[in-house]
Amino acid sequence: MSRLARSACALALGGTAVLIAAACSPPSPQVGNNNPTSESGPIELRFWTNLTVDAQAGVIEEQARSCVAGLDDVSIEFEAVPFDSMYARMVTAFRGGQGPDIMNTIEGAVSFGEAGGYLTPVDDVIDDHGRDDFIPSFLHAASKDDQVWAVPDWALHQEVWYRTDLFEAAGVEVPTSWPELLEVARAVDRVDGETRGFAVPLGAALVAPQTYYQFLYANGVYTFDPQTGEYAFDRDRDAAVEATQYMLDLYAAASPPEARTWSWNEFRTAFAGGDLAMVMDFGAVVGMAAEQNPDLLDHISSFPLPPPVSGAEPGGILGGGYYYMVGASNPRREAAAKEVVGCLLQPDLVAERTNTRPVFALPATRSAAESPVYTSDPMVQRFAAEIETIREVELPRWYRYGMEAGLNPLAGQIEATTFIGDHLQSAAAGRMTAAEAVDAIDADLRRLVRRQ
């Protein structure tokens, strides 16, 4: 097993050293009720998804069973696997010859599966559907060694969501540069006497990296060079320090102090409840506002995080996606799994899945984005202008930390640790400078890279 794969396995099982040696060797070829090496007889495909909400998982299951119905001697065993147990479940299942034949998951899990040797490439599925139908950046994110290892489904995105009524009350326009954004944040801060201007959430687990990398990418700072794949976080230390200091200045000027430890739910609830004028989010605030404060929907919109200098081209945005990956087994099982995934790419089916969480999720295929099933959704119609901007401006140039050059399990390692959040929280509290935080993050990233 490669050092990269061992690193991925160590991530999945944390400090449970006793399990690492057993779980991270190559998967057994002859374990389980459905022998992966069998070339005859009925096939029961194991289908996993990380979407555990019934409204989302239920649509995927119904569609998958419909697709399987058209295949001879093929059925599925469907299971929703929570994100927090995903990596350990994957290692144990693949090692026991019971890994998923199809898994609907995020790009970090795809990278983990590829590094462990658990997946088969899916270029044939993509080409059969039509490679040009996919947003290229989503194929890039799932690529390694000139092969694509998962089929894009949902496109995720992060931008600034804001209160149009508070902008009007403060007499400000959508900012086009970092100085303008800071000025606007100060202008709308408590413009109604209580609403804070711009939340900078830095919850140590997951939230801080997503907030931080949005500013890093806008300033042209990457973990790895998108073209060469070489470590690049330290390439322009001044740009990294500038992005960090700007984020801290925004926090000090207009963010609730408690945002320093906020999780996703906390900052989304604060925005939906009317306590924030601006926050960076993946669009989940739309669904939360619809549930908790529907009148707010008439007063919210979004814009891409502006570049440091007005008119400049941002280096990128932080995004992500959901994919379908196919487990390595034997040609017959893999062919059946790929038939199902290919069936799921029908535009109306992609649109139906995306509309289980409208605005938060966008179709990763152009055909689905143009499908009447997608465009007729009331929330999609309500935020059509924002979605158009996201598709045209943001989705072509998104990255995920550690995966700027394609699949890399470092993304999962960043998400499984809290060092970025720990250092940024210390800086926000005044216990270290922006430069010291950058140097500490750089040192921790280098340690992770050396383990690969």
Protein backbone atom coordinates (compact mmCIF):
# COMPACT_ATOMS: atom_id res chain seq x y z
CA MET A 1 0.00 0.00 0.00
CA SER A 2 1.29 3.49 -0.88
CA ARG A 3 2.18 6.08 1.74
CA LEU A 4 -0.75 8.15 0.41
CA ALA A 5 -3.18 5.33 1.02
CA ARG A 6 -1.77 4.69 4.49
CA SER A 7 -2.25 8.37 5.26
CA ALA A 8 -5.86 8.21 4.15
CA CYS A 9 -6.49 5.16 6.30
CA ALA A 10 -4.89 6.83 9.30
CA LEU A 11 -7.29 9.72 8.79
CA ALA A 12 -10.28 7.42 8.72
CA LEU A 13 -9.44 5.54 11.86
CA GLY A 14 -7.84 8.33 13.85
CA GLY A 15 -5.79 7.03 16.76
CA THR A 16 -7.16 3.50 16.70
CA ALA A 17 -3.79 2.01 15.85
CA VAL A 18 -4.91 -1.58 16.35
CA LEU A 19 -7.37 -1.28 13.46
CA ILE A 20 -5.10 0.50 11.00
CA ALA A 21 -3.01 -2.48 9.98
CA ALA A 22 -6.06 -4.68 9.49
CA ALA A 23 -8.36 -2.18 7.86
CA CYS A 24 -5.92 -0.44 5.56
CA SER A 25 -4.43 -3.33 3.68
CA PRO A 26 -5.97 -4.03 0.22
CA PRO A 27 -9.62 -5.14 0.31
CA SER A 28 -10.28 -8.85 0.37
CA PRO A 29 -11.51 -10.16 -2.99
CA GLN A 30 -13.72 -12.96 -1.67
CA VAL A 31 -15.71 -11.84 1.33
CA GLY A 32 -19.45 -11.35 1.73
CA ASN A 33 -22.78 -12.63 0.47
CA ASN A 34 -22.23 -11.11 -2.95
CA ASN A 35 -18.82 -12.41 -3.89
CA PRO A 36 -17.08 -9.51 -5.67
CA THR A 37 -15.22 -11.96 -7.93
CA SER A 38 -18.36 -13.78 -9.07
CA GLU A 39 -18.99 -13.59 -12.83
CA SER A 40 -22.48 -15.15 -12.80
CA GLY A 41 -25.76 -15.11 -10.87
CA PRO A 42 -27.83 -12.23 -9.49
CA ILE A 43 -26.08 -9.02 -8.41
CA GLU A 44 -27.13 -6.99 -5.39
CA LEU A 45 -25.39 -3.63 -5.64
CA ARG A 46 -24.58 -1.86 -2.40
CA PHE A 47 -25.62 1.78 -2.78
CA TRP A 48 -24.54 4.32 -0.13
CA THR A 49 -25.32 8.01 0.21
CA ASN A 50 -24.16 10.58 2.75
CA LEU A 51 -27.46 12.42 2.43
CA THR A 52 -29.29 11.19 5.49
CA VAL A 53 -32.33 13.51 5.37
CA ASP A 54 -35.32 11.44 4.27
CA ALA A 55 -36.46 13.98 1.66
CA GLN A 56 -33.08 13.71 -0.09
CA ALA A 57 -32.12 10.07 0.47
CA GLY A 58 -35.64 8.96 -0.39
CA VAL A 59 -35.51 10.56 -3.84
CA ILE A 60 -32.12 8.98 -4.58
CA GLU A 61 -33.30 5.56 -3.46
CA GLU A 62 -36.49 5.75 -5.52
CA GLN A 63 -34.56 6.82 -8.61
CA ALA A 64 -31.89 4.15 -8.13
CA ARG A 65 -34.48 1.40 -7.76
CA SER A 66 -36.21 2.64 -10.90
CA CYS A 67 -32.92 2.50 -12.81
CA VAL A 68 -32.14 -0.99 -11.51
CA ALA A 69 -35.57 -2.22 -12.59
CA GLY A 70 -34.40 -2.00 -16.17
CA LEU A 71 -31.45 -4.36 -15.60
CA ASP A 72 -31.60 -8.16 -15.57
CA ASP A 73 -30.72 -9.92 -12.31
CA VAL A 74 -29.66 -6.68 -10.60
CA SER A 75 -31.03 -5.24 -7.36
CA ILE A 76 -29.75 -2.75 -4.80
CA GLU A 77 -29.22 -2.60 -1.07
CA PHE A 78 -29.61 1.09 -0.18
CA GLU A 79 -28.13 2.72 2.93
CA ALA A 80 -27.71 6.31 4.14
CA VAL A 81 -24.33 6.56 5.88
CA PRO A 82 -23.77 9.64 8.10
CA PHE A 83 -20.80 11.80 7.22
CA ASP A 84 -19.25 11.51 10.68
CA SER A 85 -18.87 7.74 10.36
CA MET A 86 -18.23 7.62 6.63
CA TYR A 87 -14.45 7.13 6.49
CA ALA A 88 -14.30 4.37 9.08
CA ARG A 89 -17.27 2.62 7.47
CA MET A 90 -15.63 2.81 4.05
CA VAL A 91 -12.36 1.26 5.21
CA THR A 92 -14.04 -1.53 7.15
CA ALA A 93 -16.51 -2.32 4.37
CA PHE A 94 -13.99 -2.30 1.54
CA ARG A 95 -11.52 -4.32 3.57
CA GLY A 96 -14.21 -6.93 4.18
CA GLY A 97 -15.20 -7.11 0.53
CA GLN A 98 -18.50 -5.36 1.30
CA GLY A 99 -17.71 -1.85 0.16
CA PRO A 100 -20.31 0.20 -1.72
CA ASP A 101 -20.61 -0.47 -5.44
CA ILE A 102 -22.04 3.04 -5.78
CA MET A 103 -21.58 5.85 -3.31
CA ASN A 104 -23.11 9.33 -3.42
CA THR A 105 -20.65 11.46 -1.49
CA ILE A 106 -18.37 14.51 -1.40
CA GLU A 107 -15.07 14.96 -3.18
CA GLY A 108 -13.07 14.32 0.01
CA ALA A 109 -14.44 10.78 0.21
CA VAL A 110 -13.69 10.27 -3.48
CA SER A 111 -10.08 11.23 -2.83
CA PHE A 112 -9.96 8.88 0.14
CA GLY A 113 -11.39 6.00 -1.88
CA GLU A 114 -9.02 6.56 -4.79
CA ALA A 115 -5.99 6.75 -2.49
CA GLY A 116 -6.99 3.44 -0.87
CA GLY A 117 -7.32 1.69 -4.23
CA TYR A 118 -11.04 1.12 -3.65
CA LEU A 119 -12.45 2.76 -6.79
CA THR A 120 -12.61 2.25 -10.54
CA PRO A 121 -12.38 5.24 -12.90
CA VAL A 122 -15.59 6.48 -14.50
CA ASP A 123 -14.41 8.18 -17.69
CA ASP A 124 -16.54 5.73 -19.68
CA VAL A 125 -19.69 6.83 -17.84
CA ILE A 126 -18.83 10.48 -18.37
CA ASP A 127 -18.06 10.02 -22.06
CA ASP A 128 -21.20 7.95 -22.66
CA HIS A 129 -23.28 10.72 -21.13
CA GLY A 130 -21.34 13.51 -22.85
CA ARG A 131 -18.27 15.05 -21.20
CA ASP A 132 -19.19 18.53 -22.43
CA ASP A 133 -22.39 18.45 -20.39
CA PHE A 134 -20.44 18.61 -17.13
CA ILE A 135 -19.03 21.79 -15.59
CA PRO A 136 -15.27 21.28 -16.21
CA SER A 137 -14.20 22.37 -12.73
CA PHE A 138 -16.14 19.48 -11.20
CA LEU A 139 -14.42 16.94 -13.44
CA HIS A 140 -11.06 18.53 -12.54
CA ALA A 141 -11.74 18.15 -8.83
CA ALA A 142 -12.37 14.40 -9.20
CA SER A 143 -9.38 13.77 -11.48
CA LYS A 144 -6.00 12.20 -10.88
CA ASP A 145 -3.45 10.63 -13.21
CA ASP A 146 -5.49 11.69 -16.24
CA GLN A 147 -8.55 9.76 -15.05
CA VAL A 148 -11.82 10.84 -13.46
CA TRP A 149 -12.76 8.86 -10.37
CA ALA A 150 -16.33 10.02 -9.71
CA VAL A 151 -19.29 11.43 -11.65
CA PRO A 152 -20.38 14.96 -10.61
CA ASP A 153 -23.96 15.36 -9.39
CA TRP A 154 -24.52 18.37 -7.12
CA ALA A 155 -22.55 21.60 -7.45
CA LEU A 156 -21.90 23.41 -4.16
CA HIS A 157 -20.76 27.02 -3.92
CA GLN A 158 -19.97 29.72 -1.36
CA GLU A 159 -20.75 33.42 -1.69
CA VAL A 160 -21.87 36.35 0.44
CA TRP A 161 -25.57 36.31 1.32
CA TYR A 162 -26.89 39.70 2.39
CA ARG A 163 -29.93 41.69 3.48
CA THR A 164 -31.06 43.95 0.66
CA ASP A 165 -33.28 45.99 2.99
CA LEU A 166 -30.37 46.78 5.33
CA PHE A 167 -28.17 47.76 2.38
CA GLU A 168 -30.92 50.14 1.29
CA ALA A 169 -31.29 51.54 4.81
CA ALA A 170 -27.55 52.21 5.00
CA GLY A 171 -27.43 53.63 1.47
CA VAL A 172 -24.75 51.21 0.25
CA GLU A 173 -24.26 49.14 -2.89
CA VAL A 174 -22.81 45.67 -3.45
CA PRO A 175 -19.05 46.02 -2.87
CA THR A 176 -16.49 45.34 -5.61
CA SER A 177 -13.30 45.16 -3.55
CA TRP A 178 -12.08 44.23 -0.08
CA PRO A 179 -11.88 47.86 1.12
CA GLU A 180 -15.43 48.44 -0.10
CA LEU A 181 -16.65 45.26 1.62
CA LEU A 182 -15.16 46.39 4.91
CA GLU A 183 -16.72 49.83 4.47
CA VAL A 184 -20.12 48.32 3.68
CA ALA A 185 -19.88 45.93 6.64
CA ARG A 186 -19.27 48.86 8.96
CA ALA A 187 -22.10 50.86 7.39
CA VAL A 188 -24.72 48.13 7.84
CA ASP A 189 -23.45 47.06 11.26
CA ARG A 190 -26.28 47.86 13.68
CA VAL A 191 -27.94 50.11 11.07
CA ASP A 192 -31.24 49.00 12.62
CA GLY A 193 -29.81 49.20 16.12
CA GLU A 194 -28.90 45.55 16.58
CA THR A 195 -28.15 43.54 13.41
CA ARG A 196 -24.42 42.86 13.00
CA GLY A 197 -22.74 43.67 9.72
CA PHE A 198 -20.79 40.58 8.61
CA ALA A 199 -20.37 37.32 10.51
CA VAL A 200 -16.94 35.68 10.28
CA PRO A 201 -17.61 32.18 11.67
CA LEU A 202 -14.52 30.29 12.78
CA GLY A 203 -15.79 27.08 14.36
CA ALA A 204 -12.72 24.87 14.60
CA ALA A 205 -14.32 21.86 12.92
CA LEU A 206 -15.05 22.40 9.20
CA VAL A 207 -16.32 25.98 9.40
CA ALA A 208 -13.00 27.82 9.86
CA PRO A 209 -11.29 26.24 6.81
CA GLN A 210 -14.31 27.05 4.64
CA THR A 211 -14.35 30.67 5.78
CA TYR A 212 -10.57 31.09 5.59
CA TYR A 213 -9.95 29.56 2.19
CA GLN A 214 -12.55 31.82 0.60
CA PHE A 215 -10.29 34.78 1.41
CA LEU A 216 -7.10 32.89 0.53
CA TYR A 217 -8.40 31.89 -2.90
CA ALA A 218 -9.63 35.42 -3.61
CA ASN A 219 -6.06 36.59 -2.96
CA GLY A 220 -4.44 33.89 -5.10
CA VAL A 221 -3.22 31.66 -2.26
CA TYR A 222 -3.53 27.87 -2.63
CA THR A 223 -2.46 24.79 -0.69
CA PHE A 224 -1.20 23.23 -3.93
CA ASP A 225 -0.51 24.91 -7.26
CA PRO A 226 -3.59 24.19 -9.43
CA GLN A 227 -1.38 23.51 -12.48
CA THR A 228 1.71 21.75 -11.09
CA GLY A 229 0.35 20.19 -7.90
CA GLU A 230 3.36 21.48 -5.93
CA TYR A 231 2.92 22.68 -2.36
CA ALA A 232 2.18 26.39 -2.65
CA PHE A 233 0.78 27.70 0.64
CA ASP A 234 4.14 29.29 1.46
CA ARG A 235 4.77 30.57 -2.08
CA ASP A 236 3.45 34.05 -1.34
CA ARG A 237 3.49 34.47 2.41
CA ASP A 238 2.65 38.17 2.13
CA ALA A 239 -0.56 37.38 0.22
CA ALA A 240 -1.53 34.77 2.84
CA VAL A 241 -0.88 37.21 5.68
CA GLU A 242 -2.83 39.93 3.84
CA ALA A 243 -5.85 37.64 3.42
CA THR A 244 -5.67 36.54 7.05
CA GLN A 245 -5.36 40.09 8.36
CA TYR A 246 -8.26 41.25 6.22
CA MET A 247 -10.48 38.47 7.54
CA LEU A 248 -9.52 39.40 11.11
CA ASP A 249 -10.21 43.08 10.42
CA LEU A 250 -13.65 42.17 9.10
CA TYR A 251 -14.26 40.09 12.24
CA ALA A 252 -13.21 42.95 14.53
CA ALA A 253 -15.21 45.57 12.65
CA ALA A 254 -18.61 43.97 12.14
CA SER A 255 -18.85 40.36 13.34
CA PRO A 256 -20.47 39.11 16.53
CA PRO A 257 -17.58 38.14 18.85
CA GLU A 258 -19.20 34.76 19.49
CA ALA A 259 -18.89 33.93 15.77
CA ARG A 260 -15.32 32.93 16.63
CA THR A 261 -16.67 29.50 17.61
CA TRP A 262 -19.84 29.31 15.51
CA SER A 263 -20.82 26.14 13.69
CA TRP A 264 -22.79 25.99 10.43
CA ASN A 265 -26.12 25.83 12.23
CA GLU A 266 -25.31 28.76 14.50
CA PHE A 267 -24.37 31.29 11.82
CA ARG A 268 -27.15 30.13 9.49
CA THR A 269 -29.70 30.43 12.27
CA ALA A 270 -28.40 33.91 13.10
CA PHE A 271 -28.84 35.06 9.49
CA ALA A 272 -32.25 33.43 9.06
CA GLY A 273 -33.33 34.97 12.35
CA GLY A 274 -32.49 38.47 11.14
CA ASP A 275 -29.42 38.97 13.34
CA LEU A 276 -26.88 39.38 10.51
CA ALA A 277 -26.66 41.64 7.49
CA MET A 278 -24.10 39.47 5.66
CA VAL A 279 -22.56 36.03 5.93
CA MET A 280 -20.68 33.70 3.59
CA ASP A 281 -22.59 30.49 2.99
CA PHE A 282 -23.40 27.77 0.47
CA GLY A 283 -26.98 28.96 0.09
CA ALA A 284 -28.30 26.88 2.97
CA VAL A 285 -29.51 30.11 4.56
CA VAL A 286 -32.23 30.23 1.90
CA GLY A 287 -33.77 26.95 2.97
CA MET A 288 -33.40 27.84 6.64
CA ALA A 289 -35.08 31.21 6.13
CA ALA A 290 -37.92 29.51 4.23
CA GLU A 291 -38.51 27.28 7.25
CA GLN A 292 -37.94 29.73 10.09
CA ASN A 293 -38.54 33.24 8.74
CA PRO A 294 -40.20 33.14 5.28
CA ASP A 295 -40.77 36.91 5.15
CA LEU A 296 -36.97 37.31 5.04
CA LEU A 297 -36.85 35.70 1.59
CA ASP A 298 -38.05 38.97 0.07
CA HIS A 299 -35.01 40.75 1.49
CA ILE A 300 -32.03 38.52 0.78
CA SER A 301 -29.73 38.12 -2.18
CA SER A 302 -26.10 37.17 -2.81
CA PHE A 303 -22.90 38.29 -4.51
CA PRO A 304 -19.51 36.62 -5.02
CA LEU A 305 -16.85 37.59 -2.49
CA PRO A 306 -15.13 40.48 -4.27
CA PRO A 307 -11.42 40.46 -5.14
CA PRO A 308 -8.99 42.51 -3.05
CA VAL A 309 -8.85 45.19 -5.78
CA SER A 310 -11.87 46.31 -7.77
CA GLY A 311 -11.77 44.97 -11.32
CA ALA A 312 -9.19 42.28 -10.55
CA GLU A 313 -9.83 38.63 -11.34
CA PRO A 314 -10.19 36.62 -8.09
CA GLY A 315 -7.92 33.61 -7.78
CA GLY A 316 -10.91 31.35 -7.11
CA ILE A 317 -13.67 30.55 -4.65
CA LEU A 318 -14.21 27.74 -2.20
CA GLY A 319 -16.76 25.24 -3.42
CA GLY A 320 -17.47 21.53 -3.45
CA GLY A 321 -19.85 18.96 -4.73
CA TYR A 322 -21.57 15.62 -4.45
CA TYR A 323 -20.45 12.81 -6.72
CA TYR A 324 -21.19 9.20 -7.61
CA MET A 325 -18.16 6.96 -7.24
CA VAL A 326 -18.02 3.28 -8.26
CA GLY A 327 -16.28 0.70 -6.10
CA ALA A 328 -13.67 -1.59 -7.65
CA SER A 329 -14.89 -5.20 -7.80
CA ASN A 330 -15.11 -7.20 -11.04
CA PRO A 331 -16.09 -6.18 -14.58
CA ARG A 332 -19.67 -7.45 -14.25
CA ARG A 333 -20.47 -5.67 -10.98
CA GLU A 334 -18.70 -2.52 -12.10
CA ALA A 335 -20.62 -2.53 -15.40
CA ALA A 336 -23.93 -2.88 -13.55
CA ALA A 337 -23.02 -0.07 -11.15
CA LYS A 338 -22.02 2.18 -14.04
CA GLU A 339 -25.30 1.43 -15.81
CA VAL A 340 -27.16 2.68 -12.75
CA VAL A 341 -25.03 5.82 -12.44
CA GLY A 342 -25.49 6.51 -16.14
CA CYS A 343 -29.25 6.19 -15.73
CA LEU A 344 -29.17 8.63 -12.80
CA LEU A 345 -27.62 11.26 -15.09
CA GLN A 346 -30.87 11.78 -16.97
CA PRO A 347 -31.46 15.56 -16.77
CA ASP A 348 -34.87 15.35 -15.10
CA LEU A 349 -33.55 12.94 -12.45
CA VAL A 350 -30.55 15.18 -11.68
CA ALA A 351 -32.94 18.13 -11.44
CA GLU A 352 -35.27 16.27 -9.11
CA ARG A 353 -32.40 15.39 -6.78
CA THR A 354 -31.06 18.94 -6.83
CA ASN A 355 -34.46 20.38 -6.02
CA THR A 356 -34.59 18.48 -2.74
CA ARG A 357 -32.35 21.30 -1.52
CA PRO A 358 -32.80 24.18 -3.97
CA VAL A 359 -30.25 27.01 -4.18
CA PHE A 360 -27.90 25.16 -1.81
CA ALA A 361 -27.40 22.50 -4.50
CA LEU A 362 -27.10 23.30 -8.20
CA PRO A 363 -26.92 20.76 -11.03
CA ALA A 364 -23.37 19.88 -12.10
CA THR A 365 -24.64 19.24 -15.65
CA ARG A 366 -25.85 21.85 -18.07
CA SER A 367 -28.71 19.68 -19.31
CA ALA A 368 -30.17 19.38 -15.82
CA ALA A 369 -29.83 23.11 -15.23
CA GLU A 370 -31.95 23.65 -18.34
CA SER A 371 -34.49 20.97 -17.46
CA PRO A 372 -38.06 22.20 -16.90
CA VAL A 373 -38.10 20.08 -13.76
CA TYR A 374 -35.31 22.25 -12.36
CA THR A 375 -36.33 25.64 -13.69
CA SER A 376 -39.95 25.26 -12.58
CA ASP A 377 -39.04 24.91 -8.91
CA PRO A 378 -40.46 27.95 -7.05
CA MET A 379 -37.26 28.59 -5.07
CA VAL A 380 -35.10 28.25 -8.18
CA GLN A 381 -37.35 30.79 -9.93
CA ARG A 382 -37.25 33.12 -6.94
CA PHE A 383 -33.45 33.19 -6.90
CA ALA A 384 -32.89 32.79 -10.64
CA ALA A 385 -30.66 35.88 -10.89
CA GLU A 386 -28.44 34.75 -8.03
CA ILE A 387 -28.20 31.22 -9.45
CA GLU A 388 -27.21 32.59 -12.85
CA THR A 389 -24.37 34.58 -11.29
CA ILE A 390 -23.22 31.58 -9.29
CA ARG A 391 -23.18 29.36 -12.38
CA GLU A 392 -21.42 31.91 -14.58
CA VAL A 393 -18.98 33.50 -12.15
CA GLU A 394 -18.31 31.04 -9.34
CA LEU A 395 -18.69 27.44 -10.49
CA PRO A 396 -16.07 27.61 -13.27
CA ARG A 397 -13.32 28.56 -10.81
CA TRP A 398 -13.95 26.76 -7.54
CA TYR A 399 -11.42 24.79 -5.48
CA ARG A 400 -11.45 22.73 -2.30
CA TYR A 401 -8.61 23.11 0.16
CA GLY A 402 -5.86 20.62 -0.59
CA MET A 403 -7.47 19.57 -3.88
CA GLU A 404 -6.60 22.54 -6.06
CA ALA A 405 -4.73 20.27 -8.50
CA GLY A 406 -7.18 17.36 -8.31
CA LEU A 407 -7.85 14.53 -5.88
CA ASN A 408 -5.78 14.64 -2.71
CA PRO A 409 -6.69 13.12 0.68
CA LEU A 410 -5.25 16.19 2.38
CA ALA A 411 -8.72 17.74 1.99
CA GLY A 412 -10.18 15.10 4.27
CA GLN A 413 -7.33 15.48 6.71
CA ILE A 414 -7.96 19.21 6.96
CA GLU A 415 -11.65 18.53 7.60
CA ALA A 416 -10.87 15.86 10.18
CA THR A 417 -8.59 18.12 12.21
CA THR A 418 -9.03 21.53 13.85
CA PHE A 419 -5.60 23.17 13.55
CA ILE A 420 -6.75 25.86 11.10
CA GLY A 421 -9.65 26.81 13.33
CA ASP A 422 -7.51 26.67 16.47
CA HIS A 423 -4.93 29.10 15.06
CA LEU A 424 -7.52 31.46 13.57
CA GLN A 425 -9.51 31.54 16.79
CA SER A 426 -6.34 32.47 18.66
CA ALA A 427 -5.65 35.25 16.18
CA ALA A 428 -9.24 36.53 16.42
CA ALA A 429 -8.87 36.60 20.21
CA GLY A 430 -5.64 38.59 19.93
CA ARG A 431 -3.38 35.81 21.18
CA MET A 432 -1.32 35.72 17.97
CA THR A 433 -0.80 37.93 14.95
CA ALA A 434 -2.02 37.20 11.43
CA ALA A 435 1.56 36.40 10.41
CA GLU A 436 1.99 34.01 13.31
CA ALA A 437 -1.28 32.27 12.43
CA VAL A 438 -0.15 31.84 8.81
CA ASP A 439 3.19 30.40 9.90
CA ALA A 440 1.50 27.99 12.32
CA ILE A 441 -0.99 26.82 9.67
CA ASP A 442 1.84 26.42 7.16
CA ALA A 443 3.80 24.26 9.61
CA ASP A 444 0.80 22.03 10.27
CA LEU A 445 -0.01 21.69 6.57
CA ARG A 446 3.60 20.71 5.87
CA ARG A 447 3.41 18.02 8.54
CA LEU A 448 0.33 16.55 6.88
CA VAL A 449 1.95 16.68 3.45
CA ARG A 450 5.06 14.88 4.74
CA ARG A 451 2.91 11.99 5.98
CA GLN A 452 1.59 11.32 2.49
